[in-house]
Amino acid sequence: MRDLMRFKNSRSSTMTFGGKTVVLGRDFRQILPVIPKGTRQDIVQASINSSYLWNNCEVLRLTKNLRLRGLTNEEDVQKLDSFAKWIADLGDGNLSEDNGVNCNIMIPSSIVLENKVDPIRQIVESTFPEYRSGNMDERQLENRAILAPTLDVVDEVNEYMNGINQAASMTYLSCDSVCKAESNFDM
């Protein structure tokens, strides 16, 4: 930007981004830069808030939760608002009891699912309550997701949901590598 702006402003060579306003929009706590084979220190060092440019940045925070606008039920608005505040406090480090060794975080019981019998069923039914009936609104599938720590759990959730799916199913096959054969026919 300094190089481009030098034609408009001769002092741009000493200004950050050539004097232009640049907006960086993301939650830097959630989305880290990708450093191939990098250590945790490498990743933290590559983040924008470790850069010399960070001193010239002005941090603006979003204060309105747009997800709350679409809700009409006051109880749902309050639940989502309190959850959003809890997540923000968690990200800001305001919830932990750091004793130098361990960092303990108390999770409110209102957001914890407790079912020791069939946890996959409990997660699916709380995330997609109408799924089993087959009368599910497609927007629920678009607006909700189940995040899983491993591919094994993803497979378990997918298997469970396919098992209770009332609709006709179709299997699509895919490949994650290219055949290196010179000819393109089956033997």
Protein backbone atom coordinates (compact mmCIF):
# COMPACT_ATOMS: atom_id res chain seq x y z
CA MET A 1 0.00 0.00 0.00
CA ARG A 2 2.90 2.34 0.69
CA ASP A 3 4.16 1.81 -2.84
CA LEU A 4 0.75 2.52 -4.37
CA MET A 5 0.00 5.54 -2.21
CA ARG A 6 3.32 7.31 -2.82
CA PHE A 7 1.80 8.94 -5.93
CA LYS A 8 -0.99 10.58 -3.88
CA ASN A 9 0.89 11.29 -0.66
CA SER A 10 4.67 11.64 -0.43
CA ARG A 11 4.57 10.85 3.32
CA SER A 12 2.82 7.50 2.73
CA SER A 13 6.14 5.64 2.78
CA THR A 14 6.35 6.20 6.55
CA MET A 15 2.71 5.40 7.30
CA THR A 16 1.22 2.01 8.12
CA PHE A 17 -0.57 0.64 5.04
CA GLY A 18 0.40 3.85 3.24
CA GLY A 19 -2.10 5.84 5.31
CA LYS A 20 -5.09 3.81 4.11
CA THR A 21 -7.62 2.39 6.54
CA VAL A 22 -7.56 -1.41 6.52
CA VAL A 23 -10.24 -3.45 8.24
CA LEU A 24 -9.24 -6.84 9.63
CA GLY A 25 -12.35 -8.69 10.64
CA ARG A 26 -12.27 -11.93 12.60
CA ASP A 27 -12.04 -13.34 16.08
CA PHE A 28 -8.30 -13.72 16.48
CA ARG A 29 -8.83 -16.11 19.39
CA GLN A 30 -10.67 -18.61 17.22
CA ILE A 31 -8.94 -18.50 13.85
CA LEU A 32 -5.18 -18.87 14.01
CA PRO A 33 -2.78 -18.61 11.08
CA VAL A 34 -1.69 -21.89 9.51
CA ILE A 35 2.02 -22.54 9.83
CA PRO A 36 2.95 -25.91 8.24
CA LYS A 37 4.73 -28.05 10.85
CA GLY A 38 4.80 -25.00 13.13
CA THR A 39 4.94 -25.17 16.89
CA ARG A 40 2.50 -23.34 19.11
CA GLN A 41 5.07 -20.56 19.50
CA ASP A 42 5.42 -20.23 15.71
CA ILE A 43 1.65 -19.90 15.31
CA VAL A 44 1.31 -17.31 18.08
CA GLN A 45 4.26 -15.37 16.67
CA ALA A 46 2.62 -15.28 13.21
CA SER A 47 -0.69 -13.90 14.46
CA ILE A 48 -1.53 -10.27 13.74
CA ASN A 49 -1.59 -9.29 17.40
CA SER A 50 2.09 -10.32 17.65
CA SER A 51 3.03 -8.17 14.67
CA TYR A 52 4.70 -4.77 14.89
CA LEU A 53 1.62 -3.52 12.99
CA TRP A 54 -0.63 -4.29 15.98
CA ASN A 55 0.49 -1.13 17.79
CA ASN A 56 -1.10 0.90 14.96
CA CYS A 57 -4.41 -0.97 15.09
CA GLU A 58 -7.59 0.21 16.75
CA VAL A 59 -9.68 -2.67 18.07
CA LEU A 60 -13.42 -2.29 17.67
CA ARG A 61 -15.75 -4.81 19.26
CA LEU A 62 -19.14 -5.89 17.99
CA THR A 63 -21.68 -5.32 20.71
CA LYS A 64 -24.95 -6.51 19.16
CA ASN A 65 -25.63 -10.19 18.65
CA LEU A 66 -27.42 -10.40 15.28
CA ARG A 67 -28.63 -13.93 16.04
CA LEU A 68 -30.91 -12.47 18.69
CA ARG A 69 -32.79 -10.35 16.14
CA GLY A 70 -34.40 -13.35 14.43
CA LEU A 71 -35.85 -14.75 17.66
CA THR A 72 -39.33 -13.81 18.82
CA ASN A 73 -39.57 -15.90 22.00
CA GLU A 74 -38.20 -13.83 24.92
CA GLU A 75 -36.96 -16.96 26.72
CA ASP A 76 -34.91 -18.01 23.66
CA VAL A 77 -33.48 -14.48 23.38
CA GLN A 78 -32.37 -14.54 27.02
CA LYS A 79 -30.83 -18.02 26.67
CA LEU A 80 -28.87 -17.12 23.55
CA ASP A 81 -27.80 -13.77 25.01
CA SER A 82 -26.48 -15.34 28.22
CA PHE A 83 -24.68 -18.05 26.21
CA ALA A 84 -23.09 -15.39 23.94
CA LYS A 85 -21.91 -13.45 27.00
CA TRP A 86 -20.49 -16.62 28.55
CA ILE A 87 -18.59 -17.45 25.33
CA ALA A 88 -17.20 -13.89 25.16
CA ASP A 89 -16.09 -14.05 28.81
CA LEU A 90 -14.47 -17.42 28.15
CA GLY A 91 -12.55 -16.01 25.18
CA ASP A 92 -11.48 -12.96 27.17
CA GLY A 93 -10.14 -15.18 29.97
CA ASN A 94 -12.61 -13.92 32.57
CA LEU A 95 -13.97 -17.33 33.62
CA SER A 96 -10.91 -19.32 34.54
CA GLU A 97 -9.46 -19.92 37.95
CA ASP A 98 -5.78 -20.04 37.03
CA ASN A 99 -3.66 -21.38 39.86
CA GLY A 100 -0.44 -21.52 37.84
CA VAL A 101 -0.76 -25.24 37.12
CA ASN A 102 -4.32 -25.93 35.98
CA CYS A 103 -6.94 -23.67 34.51
CA ASN A 104 -10.43 -24.65 35.66
CA ILE A 105 -13.50 -23.28 33.92
CA MET A 106 -16.98 -23.72 35.32
CA ILE A 107 -19.53 -24.54 32.61
CA PRO A 108 -23.11 -23.58 33.48
CA SER A 109 -25.35 -26.61 33.92
CA SER A 110 -27.91 -25.01 31.58
CA ILE A 111 -25.61 -25.62 28.58
CA VAL A 112 -24.39 -29.08 29.54
CA LEU A 113 -26.11 -32.20 28.21
CA GLU A 114 -26.03 -35.03 30.72
CA ASN A 115 -26.98 -38.44 29.41
CA LYS A 116 -24.71 -41.32 30.24
CA VAL A 117 -26.85 -43.92 28.40
CA ASP A 118 -26.66 -42.73 24.78
CA PRO A 119 -24.72 -39.45 24.40
CA ILE A 120 -24.89 -39.40 20.57
CA ARG A 121 -28.68 -39.66 20.69
CA GLN A 122 -28.85 -36.89 23.30
CA ILE A 123 -26.65 -34.56 21.21
CA VAL A 124 -28.57 -35.21 17.98
CA GLU A 125 -31.99 -34.83 19.59
CA SER A 126 -31.07 -31.61 21.38
CA THR A 127 -29.50 -30.11 18.25
CA PHE A 128 -32.12 -31.33 15.76
CA PRO A 129 -35.27 -32.00 17.84
CA GLU A 130 -37.54 -32.51 14.80
CA TYR A 131 -35.14 -34.76 12.85
CA ARG A 132 -36.53 -38.09 14.03
CA SER A 133 -40.10 -37.20 13.01
CA GLY A 134 -39.08 -36.46 9.42
CA ASN A 135 -40.97 -33.14 9.51
CA MET A 136 -37.88 -31.06 9.99
CA ASP A 137 -37.64 -27.57 8.59
CA GLU A 138 -34.63 -27.41 6.26
CA ARG A 139 -33.54 -24.12 7.82
CA GLN A 140 -32.78 -25.99 11.06
CA LEU A 141 -30.24 -28.08 9.16
CA GLU A 142 -28.71 -24.92 7.70
CA ASN A 143 -28.48 -23.05 11.00
CA ARG A 144 -27.22 -25.80 13.31
CA ALA A 145 -24.17 -28.02 13.49
CA ILE A 146 -22.67 -30.68 15.69
CA LEU A 147 -18.94 -30.22 16.18
CA ALA A 148 -16.95 -33.33 16.99
CA PRO A 149 -13.39 -33.73 18.30
CA THR A 150 -12.47 -36.72 16.09
CA LEU A 151 -13.51 -38.35 12.82
CA ASP A 152 -14.65 -41.41 14.78
CA VAL A 153 -17.26 -39.29 16.58
CA VAL A 154 -18.29 -37.72 13.25
CA ASP A 155 -18.83 -41.22 11.88
CA GLU A 156 -20.90 -42.19 14.94
CA VAL A 157 -23.12 -39.11 14.60
CA ASN A 158 -23.55 -39.65 10.85
CA GLU A 159 -24.37 -43.34 11.36
CA TYR A 160 -26.94 -42.54 14.04
CA MET A 161 -28.59 -39.80 11.96
CA ASN A 162 -28.68 -41.98 8.84
CA GLY A 163 -30.25 -44.75 10.91
CA ILE A 164 -33.17 -42.59 12.05
CA ASN A 165 -33.59 -40.75 8.73
CA GLN A 166 -37.08 -41.34 7.32
CA ALA A 167 -36.27 -40.18 3.78
CA ALA A 168 -34.89 -42.31 0.96
CA SER A 169 -31.11 -42.25 0.96
CA MET A 170 -28.47 -42.36 -1.71
CA THR A 171 -24.77 -43.11 -1.30
CA TYR A 172 -22.22 -41.06 -3.22
CA LEU A 173 -18.69 -42.36 -3.55
CA SER A 174 -15.64 -40.13 -3.60
CA CYS A 175 -11.91 -40.48 -3.94
CA ASP A 176 -9.17 -38.53 -2.21
CA SER A 177 -6.31 -39.55 -4.52
CA VAL A 178 -5.67 -39.62 -8.26
CA CYS A 179 -5.02 -42.85 -10.12
CA LYS A 180 -1.51 -42.72 -11.59
CA ALA A 181 -2.26 -45.20 -14.38
CA GLU A 182 -1.71 -43.90 -17.89
CA SER A 183 -4.90 -45.41 -19.27
CA ASN A 184 -8.37 -44.54 -18.02
CA PHE A 185 -10.23 -47.85 -18.03
CA ASP A 186 -11.06 -50.65 -15.62
CA MET A 187 -9.25 -53.96 -15.85
